[in-house]
Amino acid sequence: MKLSKTTLAAALLALSAAGSAFADATPYPSAGTQNPATYSFTSNGGDVKAYFMGSTASYNESLGLLIDGVNSGITGLQNHTAGVGDSLDFGSIAAGKTLTFFINVATTGDIFYSDKSLNSDGINHVYSTSFSGSSTVPVGTYVAFEDLKGGGDLNYHDETFVFTNVATAAVPEPANLALLMGGLGLMGFVARRRRN
């Protein structure tokens, strides 16, 4: 099947719309609007480390991790005492294990997870993208949290971290998936018409 340049461009546009969550854009580029993407994090195998990138939160908060739904028992990087580049080693985690990051907001008693189905308000409290590295933080997966129930100001910048040895997949919302499927269907229709 031979595709025209127009058809190929439409396909690339549809794919980029579905996968644009990983563009190394920090901080969250659409502050004030709820992040529609949800994320799935898994271990690549080996030590999973968190690097503190910063905090704009006035509340006292710390980072933790669930591994396949079980609390690792390791917490740290308290936002008012950690400095940029400080790290927390969650230890060696087998490849393919599901990772759920969370912040414990000690001031309010809330815990917000990277898996929105675990959040008491049912809202996505994270934004994630790739991170190309800096002089103090290595290449990895950037994860930023919103720390207020109901989404707060939706800036996804209250707690920010970079994780190493972590694979990330954005799970498109149904509307984005429908857009992608529609684009692919249109490509198939155009290709079929050209054959006839």
N, C-alpha and C. Protein backbone atom coordinates (compact mmCIF):
# COMPACT_ATOMS: atom_id res chain seq x y z
N MET A 1 0.85 -1.17 0.00
CA MET A 1 0.00 0.00 0.00
C MET A 1 0.89 1.23 0.00
N LYS A 2 0.67 2.13 -0.94
CA LYS A 2 1.45 3.35 -1.05
C LYS A 2 0.63 4.50 -0.48
N LEU A 3 1.24 5.24 0.46
CA LEU A 3 0.54 6.36 1.09
C LEU A 3 1.03 7.67 0.50
N SER A 4 0.11 8.60 0.30
CA SER A 4 0.51 9.92 -0.17
C SER A 4 1.13 10.71 0.97
N LYS A 5 1.80 11.80 0.64
CA LYS A 5 2.40 12.66 1.66
C LYS A 5 1.32 13.23 2.58
N THR A 6 0.16 13.56 2.03
CA THR A 6 -0.94 14.11 2.83
C THR A 6 -1.45 13.08 3.82
N THR A 7 -1.63 11.85 3.36
CA THR A 7 -2.10 10.78 4.23
C THR A 7 -1.08 10.48 5.32
N LEU A 8 0.17 10.45 4.96
CA LEU A 8 1.24 10.20 5.93
C LEU A 8 1.29 11.33 6.96
N ALA A 9 1.15 12.57 6.51
CA ALA A 9 1.16 13.72 7.43
C ALA A 9 -0.01 13.64 8.40
N ALA A 10 -1.18 13.24 7.91
CA ALA A 10 -2.35 13.10 8.79
C ALA A 10 -2.12 12.02 9.84
N ALA A 11 -1.48 10.93 9.43
CA ALA A 11 -1.20 9.85 10.38
C ALA A 11 -0.23 10.31 11.44
N LEU A 12 0.82 11.01 11.04
CA LEU A 12 1.80 11.50 12.01
C LEU A 12 1.18 12.50 12.96
N LEU A 13 0.29 13.36 12.46
CA LEU A 13 -0.40 14.32 13.32
C LEU A 13 -1.27 13.60 14.34
N ALA A 14 -1.99 12.58 13.92
CA ALA A 14 -2.84 11.82 14.85
C ALA A 14 -2.01 11.12 15.91
N LEU A 15 -0.88 10.53 15.50
CA LEU A 15 -0.03 9.85 16.46
C LEU A 15 0.63 10.83 17.42
N SER A 16 1.03 12.00 16.93
CA SER A 16 1.66 12.96 17.83
C SER A 16 0.65 13.51 18.82
N ALA A 17 -0.60 13.66 18.43
CA ALA A 17 -1.62 14.13 19.36
C ALA A 17 -1.84 13.11 20.47
N ALA A 18 -1.77 11.83 20.14
CA ALA A 18 -1.98 10.80 21.15
C ALA A 18 -0.78 10.61 22.04
N GLY A 19 0.42 10.87 21.55
CA GLY A 19 1.62 10.60 22.33
C GLY A 19 2.37 11.84 22.77
N SER A 20 1.74 13.02 22.75
CA SER A 20 2.44 14.25 23.06
C SER A 20 2.75 14.42 24.54
N ALA A 21 2.37 13.47 25.38
CA ALA A 21 2.64 13.59 26.81
C ALA A 21 4.12 13.48 27.13
N PHE A 22 4.94 13.04 26.20
CA PHE A 22 6.35 12.84 26.49
C PHE A 22 7.21 13.75 25.63
N ALA A 23 7.15 15.04 25.89
CA ALA A 23 7.87 16.00 25.07
C ALA A 23 8.91 16.78 25.86
N ASP A 24 9.27 16.34 27.05
CA ASP A 24 10.26 17.01 27.89
C ASP A 24 9.84 18.43 28.21
N ALA A 25 8.54 18.67 28.36
CA ALA A 25 8.02 20.00 28.70
C ALA A 25 7.81 20.08 30.20
N THR A 26 8.69 20.80 30.87
CA THR A 26 8.52 21.02 32.30
C THR A 26 8.56 22.52 32.55
N PRO A 27 7.74 23.06 33.43
CA PRO A 27 6.67 22.39 34.15
C PRO A 27 5.46 22.13 33.25
N TYR A 28 4.38 21.67 33.88
CA TYR A 28 3.14 21.37 33.16
C TYR A 28 2.74 22.57 32.29
N PRO A 29 2.61 22.36 30.98
CA PRO A 29 2.40 23.49 30.06
C PRO A 29 0.99 24.07 30.05
N SER A 30 0.02 23.42 30.67
CA SER A 30 -1.36 23.92 30.63
C SER A 30 -1.89 24.22 32.03
N ALA A 31 -1.07 24.91 32.83
CA ALA A 31 -1.45 25.22 34.22
C ALA A 31 -2.84 25.86 34.26
N GLY A 32 -3.62 25.42 35.24
CA GLY A 32 -4.98 25.93 35.41
C GLY A 32 -6.03 25.02 34.81
N THR A 33 -5.61 24.02 34.02
CA THR A 33 -6.54 23.05 33.45
C THR A 33 -6.14 21.66 33.89
N GLN A 34 -7.14 20.82 34.13
CA GLN A 34 -6.84 19.47 34.59
C GLN A 34 -6.10 18.69 33.52
N ASN A 35 -5.05 17.97 33.93
CA ASN A 35 -4.28 17.14 33.01
C ASN A 35 -5.15 15.95 32.60
N PRO A 36 -5.48 15.83 31.31
CA PRO A 36 -6.36 14.74 30.88
C PRO A 36 -5.66 13.38 30.78
N ALA A 37 -4.33 13.38 30.74
CA ALA A 37 -3.59 12.12 30.59
C ALA A 37 -3.51 11.37 31.91
N THR A 38 -3.46 10.06 31.82
CA THR A 38 -3.13 9.24 32.98
C THR A 38 -1.89 8.44 32.60
N TYR A 39 -1.16 7.98 33.60
CA TYR A 39 0.14 7.37 33.33
C TYR A 39 0.25 6.02 33.99
N SER A 40 1.04 5.17 33.37
CA SER A 40 1.37 3.86 33.90
C SER A 40 2.89 3.80 34.03
N PHE A 41 3.39 3.53 35.24
CA PHE A 41 4.83 3.48 35.48
C PHE A 41 5.24 2.04 35.82
N THR A 42 6.33 1.58 35.23
CA THR A 42 6.87 0.26 35.54
C THR A 42 8.38 0.36 35.71
N SER A 43 8.93 -0.61 36.43
CA SER A 43 10.37 -0.65 36.64
C SER A 43 11.07 -1.22 35.41
N ASN A 44 12.21 -0.63 35.07
CA ASN A 44 13.06 -1.17 34.01
C ASN A 44 14.00 -2.25 34.55
N GLY A 45 13.99 -2.45 35.87
CA GLY A 45 14.90 -3.38 36.53
C GLY A 45 16.09 -2.61 37.09
N GLY A 46 16.47 -2.94 38.31
CA GLY A 46 17.58 -2.24 38.96
C GLY A 46 17.08 -1.22 39.96
N ASP A 47 18.01 -0.40 40.47
CA ASP A 47 17.66 0.60 41.48
C ASP A 47 16.77 1.68 40.88
N VAL A 48 15.64 1.92 41.54
CA VAL A 48 14.76 3.03 41.19
C VAL A 48 15.08 4.16 42.16
N LYS A 49 15.54 5.27 41.61
CA LYS A 49 15.90 6.42 42.43
C LYS A 49 15.01 7.60 42.08
N ALA A 50 14.66 8.36 43.13
CA ALA A 50 13.93 9.60 42.95
C ALA A 50 14.88 10.75 43.23
N TYR A 51 14.82 11.77 42.38
CA TYR A 51 15.61 12.99 42.56
C TYR A 51 14.66 14.15 42.76
N PHE A 52 14.89 14.91 43.81
CA PHE A 52 14.04 16.06 44.12
C PHE A 52 14.35 17.20 43.14
N MET A 53 13.29 17.72 42.51
CA MET A 53 13.45 18.82 41.55
C MET A 53 13.00 20.15 42.13
N GLY A 54 12.14 20.11 43.16
CA GLY A 54 11.68 21.35 43.76
C GLY A 54 10.25 21.25 44.23
N SER A 55 9.83 22.30 44.95
CA SER A 55 8.48 22.35 45.51
C SER A 55 8.03 23.79 45.62
N THR A 56 6.77 24.01 45.33
CA THR A 56 6.15 25.32 45.55
C THR A 56 5.09 25.22 46.64
N ALA A 57 5.02 24.08 47.32
CA ALA A 57 3.97 23.82 48.30
C ALA A 57 4.30 24.43 49.66
N SER A 58 3.28 24.96 50.31
CA SER A 58 3.47 25.45 51.68
C SER A 58 3.24 24.33 52.69
N TYR A 59 2.50 23.28 52.30
CA TYR A 59 2.25 22.14 53.18
C TYR A 59 3.51 21.28 53.31
N ASN A 60 3.56 20.49 54.39
CA ASN A 60 4.65 19.53 54.59
C ASN A 60 4.31 18.24 53.86
N GLU A 61 5.19 17.81 52.96
CA GLU A 61 4.92 16.65 52.11
C GLU A 61 6.17 15.80 51.93
N SER A 62 5.95 14.51 51.72
CA SER A 62 7.06 13.60 51.44
C SER A 62 6.63 12.59 50.38
N LEU A 63 7.61 11.94 49.78
CA LEU A 63 7.39 11.01 48.67
C LEU A 63 7.42 9.57 49.14
N GLY A 64 6.58 8.73 48.52
CA GLY A 64 6.58 7.30 48.79
C GLY A 64 6.31 6.52 47.52
N LEU A 65 6.30 5.18 47.63
CA LEU A 65 6.14 4.32 46.46
C LEU A 65 5.41 3.03 46.82
N LEU A 66 4.44 2.67 45.95
CA LEU A 66 3.81 1.35 45.99
C LEU A 66 4.44 0.52 44.88
N ILE A 67 4.77 -0.73 45.18
CA ILE A 67 5.30 -1.65 44.17
C ILE A 67 4.29 -2.77 44.02
N ASP A 68 3.70 -2.88 42.84
CA ASP A 68 2.59 -3.82 42.61
C ASP A 68 1.52 -3.67 43.69
N GLY A 69 1.23 -2.42 44.06
CA GLY A 69 0.17 -2.12 45.02
C GLY A 69 0.56 -2.24 46.48
N VAL A 70 1.80 -2.63 46.78
CA VAL A 70 2.25 -2.81 48.17
C VAL A 70 3.20 -1.67 48.52
N ASN A 71 2.96 -1.03 49.66
CA ASN A 71 3.80 0.07 50.09
C ASN A 71 5.22 -0.42 50.33
N SER A 72 6.18 0.26 49.73
CA SER A 72 7.59 -0.11 49.89
C SER A 72 8.11 0.18 51.29
N GLY A 73 7.42 1.06 52.02
CA GLY A 73 7.86 1.45 53.36
C GLY A 73 8.98 2.46 53.34
N ILE A 74 9.40 2.88 52.15
CA ILE A 74 10.47 3.87 52.03
C ILE A 74 9.84 5.20 51.67
N THR A 75 10.09 6.21 52.49
CA THR A 75 9.60 7.56 52.22
C THR A 75 10.72 8.56 52.44
N GLY A 76 10.57 9.72 51.87
CA GLY A 76 11.58 10.74 52.06
C GLY A 76 11.40 11.92 51.14
N LEU A 77 12.49 12.68 50.96
CA LEU A 77 12.51 13.89 50.17
C LEU A 77 11.41 14.86 50.64
N GLN A 78 11.41 15.11 51.94
CA GLN A 78 10.45 16.05 52.53
C GLN A 78 10.67 17.41 51.87
N ASN A 79 9.59 18.01 51.40
CA ASN A 79 9.71 19.19 50.54
C ASN A 79 10.35 20.41 51.18
N HIS A 80 10.33 20.55 52.50
CA HIS A 80 10.91 21.75 53.12
C HIS A 80 12.35 21.54 53.58
N THR A 81 12.86 20.32 53.44
CA THR A 81 14.25 20.07 53.84
C THR A 81 15.11 19.55 52.69
N ALA A 82 14.51 19.00 51.66
CA ALA A 82 15.27 18.47 50.52
C ALA A 82 15.73 19.60 49.62
N GLY A 83 16.89 19.40 49.00
CA GLY A 83 17.40 20.35 48.02
C GLY A 83 17.37 19.74 46.64
N VAL A 84 17.39 20.59 45.62
CA VAL A 84 17.38 20.11 44.24
C VAL A 84 18.56 19.16 44.03
N GLY A 85 18.26 17.98 43.51
CA GLY A 85 19.29 16.97 43.26
C GLY A 85 19.41 15.94 44.37
N ASP A 86 18.81 16.21 45.56
CA ASP A 86 18.82 15.20 46.62
C ASP A 86 18.08 13.97 46.11
N SER A 87 18.54 12.78 46.52
CA SER A 87 17.93 11.56 45.98
C SER A 87 17.44 10.62 47.08
N LEU A 88 16.52 9.76 46.69
CA LEU A 88 15.98 8.72 47.55
C LEU A 88 16.02 7.43 46.74
N ASP A 89 16.70 6.41 47.26
CA ASP A 89 16.84 5.13 46.56
C ASP A 89 15.78 4.17 47.08
N PHE A 90 14.88 3.74 46.20
CA PHE A 90 13.85 2.78 46.58
C PHE A 90 14.36 1.35 46.48
N GLY A 91 15.62 1.18 46.11
CA GLY A 91 16.21 -0.15 46.03
C GLY A 91 16.02 -0.78 44.67
N SER A 92 16.53 -1.99 44.55
CA SER A 92 16.44 -2.73 43.29
C SER A 92 15.04 -3.31 43.14
N ILE A 93 14.41 -3.00 42.01
CA ILE A 93 13.04 -3.47 41.74
C ILE A 93 13.06 -4.22 40.43
N ALA A 94 12.52 -5.42 40.43
CA ALA A 94 12.52 -6.27 39.24
C ALA A 94 11.81 -5.58 38.07
N ALA A 95 12.30 -5.84 36.88
CA ALA A 95 11.71 -5.28 35.67
C ALA A 95 10.24 -5.69 35.54
N GLY A 96 9.42 -4.75 35.10
CA GLY A 96 8.01 -5.03 34.86
C GLY A 96 7.10 -4.81 36.05
N LYS A 97 7.66 -4.56 37.23
CA LYS A 97 6.82 -4.30 38.41
C LYS A 97 6.11 -2.96 38.24
N THR A 98 4.84 -2.90 38.62
CA THR A 98 4.06 -1.67 38.54
C THR A 98 4.46 -0.74 39.68
N LEU A 99 4.74 0.51 39.34
CA LEU A 99 5.16 1.51 40.31
C LEU A 99 4.07 2.58 40.43
N THR A 100 3.68 2.87 41.65
CA THR A 100 2.72 3.94 41.91
C THR A 100 3.36 4.90 42.89
N PHE A 101 3.70 6.08 42.42
CA PHE A 101 4.31 7.09 43.28
C PHE A 101 3.22 7.82 44.04
N PHE A 102 3.55 8.29 45.24
CA PHE A 102 2.57 9.09 45.98
C PHE A 102 3.26 10.13 46.83
N ILE A 103 2.49 11.19 47.11
CA ILE A 103 2.94 12.17 48.09
C ILE A 103 2.01 12.10 49.28
N ASN A 104 2.62 12.12 50.45
CA ASN A 104 1.88 12.15 51.71
C ASN A 104 1.88 13.60 52.17
N VAL A 105 0.71 14.22 52.16
CA VAL A 105 0.59 15.62 52.57
C VAL A 105 0.28 15.61 54.06
N ALA A 106 1.33 15.71 54.88
CA ALA A 106 1.18 15.59 56.33
C ALA A 106 0.28 16.69 56.90
N THR A 107 0.30 17.87 56.34
CA THR A 107 -0.48 19.00 56.84
C THR A 107 -1.98 18.73 56.78
N THR A 108 -2.45 18.09 55.70
CA THR A 108 -3.89 17.85 55.54
C THR A 108 -4.28 16.41 55.79
N GLY A 109 -3.30 15.51 55.83
CA GLY A 109 -3.59 14.09 56.00
C GLY A 109 -3.95 13.39 54.70
N ASP A 110 -3.86 14.09 53.58
CA ASP A 110 -4.18 13.51 52.28
C ASP A 110 -2.98 12.78 51.69
N ILE A 111 -3.27 11.76 50.89
CA ILE A 111 -2.26 11.07 50.10
C ILE A 111 -2.75 11.09 48.66
N PHE A 112 -1.89 11.53 47.75
CA PHE A 112 -2.24 11.58 46.35
C PHE A 112 -1.29 10.70 45.55
N TYR A 113 -1.88 9.84 44.71
CA TYR A 113 -1.16 8.80 43.98
C TYR A 113 -1.03 9.14 42.50
N SER A 114 -0.03 8.55 41.86
CA SER A 114 0.11 8.70 40.41
C SER A 114 -0.97 7.89 39.67
N ASP A 115 -1.62 6.98 40.34
CA ASP A 115 -2.76 6.23 39.80
C ASP A 115 -4.03 6.91 40.30
N LYS A 116 -4.72 7.64 39.42
CA LYS A 116 -5.85 8.46 39.87
C LYS A 116 -6.99 7.63 40.47
N SER A 117 -7.07 6.34 40.15
CA SER A 117 -8.13 5.51 40.72
C SER A 117 -7.95 5.32 42.23
N LEU A 118 -6.76 5.60 42.75
CA LEU A 118 -6.50 5.48 44.19
C LEU A 118 -6.76 6.78 44.95
N ASN A 119 -6.97 7.87 44.24
CA ASN A 119 -7.18 9.17 44.89
C ASN A 119 -8.62 9.31 45.36
N SER A 120 -8.79 9.79 46.59
CA SER A 120 -10.13 9.89 47.18
C SER A 120 -11.04 10.82 46.40
N ASP A 121 -10.48 11.78 45.65
CA ASP A 121 -11.31 12.69 44.86
C ASP A 121 -11.46 12.23 43.41
N GLY A 122 -10.81 11.12 43.04
CA GLY A 122 -10.92 10.58 41.69
C GLY A 122 -10.26 11.42 40.62
N ILE A 123 -9.41 12.37 41.02
CA ILE A 123 -8.78 13.30 40.08
C ILE A 123 -7.33 12.90 39.84
N ASN A 124 -6.85 13.14 38.63
CA ASN A 124 -5.45 12.93 38.31
C ASN A 124 -4.62 14.00 39.03
N HIS A 125 -3.68 13.59 39.85
CA HIS A 125 -2.84 14.52 40.60
C HIS A 125 -1.40 14.57 40.09
N VAL A 126 -1.13 14.01 38.90
CA VAL A 126 0.24 14.04 38.37
C VAL A 126 0.29 14.46 36.91
N TYR A 127 1.46 14.95 36.56
CA TYR A 127 1.83 15.23 35.18
C TYR A 127 3.20 14.59 34.99
N SER A 128 3.43 13.95 33.85
CA SER A 128 4.71 13.29 33.61
C SER A 128 5.19 13.54 32.19
N THR A 129 6.50 13.59 32.04
CA THR A 129 7.13 13.73 30.74
C THR A 129 8.56 13.19 30.87
N SER A 130 9.26 13.12 29.77
CA SER A 130 10.66 12.73 29.83
C SER A 130 11.47 13.89 30.37
N PHE A 131 12.66 13.58 30.91
CA PHE A 131 13.56 14.62 31.40
C PHE A 131 14.94 14.34 30.83
N SER A 132 15.51 15.32 30.15
CA SER A 132 16.78 15.13 29.44
C SER A 132 18.01 15.24 30.31
N GLY A 133 17.84 15.57 31.58
CA GLY A 133 18.97 15.66 32.48
C GLY A 133 19.46 17.09 32.66
N SER A 134 20.16 17.32 33.77
CA SER A 134 20.75 18.63 34.07
C SER A 134 22.06 18.37 34.80
N SER A 135 22.67 19.43 35.27
CA SER A 135 23.94 19.27 35.98
C SER A 135 23.76 18.59 37.34
N THR A 136 22.55 18.63 37.91
CA THR A 136 22.32 18.03 39.23
C THR A 136 21.39 16.83 39.23
N VAL A 137 20.63 16.64 38.15
CA VAL A 137 19.64 15.54 38.09
C VAL A 137 19.85 14.78 36.78
N PRO A 138 19.93 13.43 36.84
CA PRO A 138 20.18 12.66 35.61
C PRO A 138 18.95 12.55 34.71
N VAL A 139 19.17 12.00 33.54
CA VAL A 139 18.09 11.70 32.60
C VAL A 139 17.11 10.75 33.28
N GLY A 140 15.82 10.97 33.07
CA GLY A 140 14.83 10.08 33.68
C GLY A 140 13.42 10.48 33.33
N THR A 141 12.51 10.08 34.21
CA THR A 141 11.09 10.35 34.04
C THR A 141 10.67 11.42 35.04
N TYR A 142 10.20 12.53 34.53
CA TYR A 142 9.75 13.66 35.35
C TYR A 142 8.31 13.40 35.80
N VAL A 143 8.05 13.55 37.11
CA VAL A 143 6.69 13.40 37.64
C VAL A 143 6.44 14.57 38.58
N ALA A 144 5.37 15.31 38.32
CA ALA A 144 5.01 16.47 39.13
C ALA A 144 3.62 16.26 39.72
N PHE A 145 3.46 16.65 40.98
CA PHE A 145 2.21 16.42 41.71
C PHE A 145 1.44 17.71 41.97
N GLU A 146 0.13 17.58 42.02
CA GLU A 146 -0.78 18.60 42.52
C GLU A 146 -1.20 18.12 43.91
N ASP A 147 -1.07 18.97 44.93
CA ASP A 147 -1.23 18.51 46.32
C ASP A 147 -2.53 18.92 47.02
N LEU A 148 -3.51 19.42 46.28
CA LEU A 148 -4.76 19.83 46.91
C LEU A 148 -5.91 18.96 46.45
N LYS A 149 -6.76 18.58 47.40
CA LYS A 149 -7.96 17.79 47.07
C LYS A 149 -8.81 18.58 46.08
N GLY A 150 -9.34 17.88 45.10
CA GLY A 150 -10.14 18.53 44.07
C GLY A 150 -9.31 19.18 42.98
N GLY A 151 -7.99 19.06 43.06
CA GLY A 151 -7.12 19.58 42.01
C GLY A 151 -6.48 20.92 42.30
N GLY A 152 -7.00 21.66 43.28
CA GLY A 152 -6.40 22.94 43.64
C GLY A 152 -6.27 23.87 42.45
N ASP A 153 -5.08 24.42 42.24
CA ASP A 153 -4.86 25.36 41.13
C ASP A 153 -4.47 24.66 39.83
N LEU A 154 -4.35 23.32 39.87
CA LEU A 154 -4.06 22.52 38.68
C LEU A 154 -2.78 22.97 37.96
N ASN A 155 -1.76 23.32 38.75
CA ASN A 155 -0.49 23.69 38.12
C ASN A 155 0.47 22.51 38.04
N TYR A 156 0.17 21.40 38.73
CA TYR A 156 1.01 20.20 38.72
C TYR A 156 2.49 20.57 38.92
N HIS A 157 2.70 21.37 39.97
CA HIS A 157 4.06 21.83 40.23
C HIS A 157 4.34 21.93 41.72
N ASP A 158 3.46 21.34 42.56
CA ASP A 158 3.63 21.45 44.00
C ASP A 158 4.81 20.62 44.49
N GLU A 159 4.98 19.45 43.93
CA GLU A 159 6.13 18.58 44.22
C GLU A 159 6.62 18.04 42.89
N THR A 160 7.91 18.15 42.62
CA THR A 160 8.44 17.67 41.34
C THR A 160 9.65 16.77 41.57
N PHE A 161 9.68 15.66 40.83
CA PHE A 161 10.73 14.65 40.97
C PHE A 161 11.13 14.12 39.60
N VAL A 162 12.32 13.53 39.53
CA VAL A 162 12.74 12.75 38.38
C VAL A 162 13.10 11.37 38.89
N PHE A 163 12.60 10.33 38.21
CA PHE A 163 12.86 8.94 38.59
C PHE A 163 13.72 8.27 37.52
N THR A 164 14.68 7.46 37.97
CA THR A 164 15.51 6.71 37.04
C THR A 164 15.09 5.24 37.06
N ASN A 165 15.38 4.53 35.97
CA ASN A 165 15.01 3.12 35.78
C ASN A 165 13.50 2.91 35.79
N VAL A 166 12.79 3.87 35.24
CA VAL A 166 11.33 3.80 35.21
C VAL A 166 10.86 3.96 33.77
N ALA A 167 9.99 3.06 33.33
CA ALA A 167 9.34 3.18 32.02
C ALA A 167 7.97 3.78 32.23
N THR A 168 7.56 4.64 31.31
CA THR A 168 6.30 5.35 31.43
C THR A 168 5.47 5.16 30.17
N ALA A 169 4.19 5.00 30.36
CA ALA A 169 3.26 4.98 29.23
C ALA A 169 2.10 5.89 29.58
N ALA A 170 1.77 6.80 28.67
CA ALA A 170 0.58 7.63 28.86
C ALA A 170 -0.61 6.84 28.34
N VAL A 171 -1.66 6.83 29.10
CA VAL A 171 -2.89 6.15 28.69
C VAL A 171 -3.82 7.23 28.19
N PRO A 172 -4.09 7.29 26.87
CA PRO A 172 -4.92 8.38 26.36
C PRO A 172 -6.34 8.30 26.90
N GLU A 173 -6.91 9.47 27.12
CA GLU A 173 -8.31 9.56 27.51
C GLU A 173 -9.16 9.08 26.33
N PRO A 174 -10.40 8.65 26.58
CA PRO A 174 -11.25 8.14 25.49
C PRO A 174 -11.38 9.09 24.31
N ALA A 175 -11.44 10.40 24.57
CA ALA A 175 -11.59 11.35 23.46
C ALA A 175 -10.35 11.33 22.56
N ASN A 176 -9.16 11.27 23.17
CA ASN A 176 -7.93 11.22 22.38
C ASN A 176 -7.83 9.90 21.62
N LEU A 177 -8.26 8.81 22.24
CA LEU A 177 -8.25 7.51 21.58
C LEU A 177 -9.20 7.52 20.40
N ALA A 178 -10.37 8.13 20.56
CA ALA A 178 -11.33 8.23 19.46
C ALA A 178 -10.75 9.05 18.31
N LEU A 179 -10.03 10.13 18.65
CA LEU A 179 -9.40 10.95 17.62
C LEU A 179 -8.36 10.14 16.85
N LEU A 180 -7.56 9.39 17.57
CA LEU A 180 -6.55 8.56 16.92
C LEU A 180 -7.19 7.51 16.02
N MET A 181 -8.22 6.83 16.53
CA MET A 181 -8.89 5.80 15.73
C MET A 181 -9.56 6.41 14.50
N GLY A 182 -10.16 7.59 14.68
CA GLY A 182 -10.77 8.27 13.54
C GLY A 182 -9.76 8.61 12.47
N GLY A 183 -8.57 9.09 12.90
CA GLY A 183 -7.50 9.42 11.96
C GLY A 183 -7.02 8.20 11.20
N LEU A 184 -6.87 7.09 11.93
CA LEU A 184 -6.43 5.86 11.27
C LEU A 184 -7.50 5.33 10.31
N GLY A 185 -8.77 5.45 10.72
CA GLY A 185 -9.86 5.03 9.84
C GLY A 185 -9.91 5.86 8.57
N LEU A 186 -9.70 7.17 8.71
CA LEU A 186 -9.67 8.06 7.54
C LEU A 186 -8.52 7.69 6.61
N MET A 187 -7.38 7.35 7.18
CA MET A 187 -6.24 6.92 6.35
C MET A 187 -6.61 5.68 5.55
N GLY A 188 -7.25 4.71 6.21
CA GLY A 188 -7.65 3.49 5.51
C GLY A 188 -8.65 3.76 4.40
N PHE A 189 -9.61 4.66 4.67
CA PHE A 189 -10.60 5.01 3.67
C PHE A 189 -9.96 5.67 2.46
N VAL A 190 -9.04 6.61 2.71
CA VAL A 190 -8.37 7.31 1.61
C VAL A 190 -7.52 6.32 0.79
N ALA A 191 -6.82 5.44 1.47
CA ALA A 191 -5.98 4.45 0.77
C ALA A 191 -6.85 3.53 -0.08
N ARG A 192 -8.00 3.14 0.45
CA ARG A 192 -8.89 2.23 -0.30
C ARG A 192 -9.47 2.92 -1.53
N ARG A 193 -9.86 4.18 -1.37
CA ARG A 193 -10.42 4.93 -2.50
C ARG A 193 -9.40 5.08 -3.61
N ARG A 194 -8.16 5.30 -3.21
CA ARG A 194 -7.10 5.48 -4.23
C ARG A 194 -6.85 4.20 -5.01
N ARG A 195 -7.01 3.06 -4.34
CA ARG A 195 -6.82 1.77 -5.03
C ARG A 195 -7.90 1.55 -6.06
N ASN A 196 -9.11 1.99 -5.74
CA ASN A 196 -10.23 1.79 -6.65
C ASN A 196 -10.21 2.86 -7.67
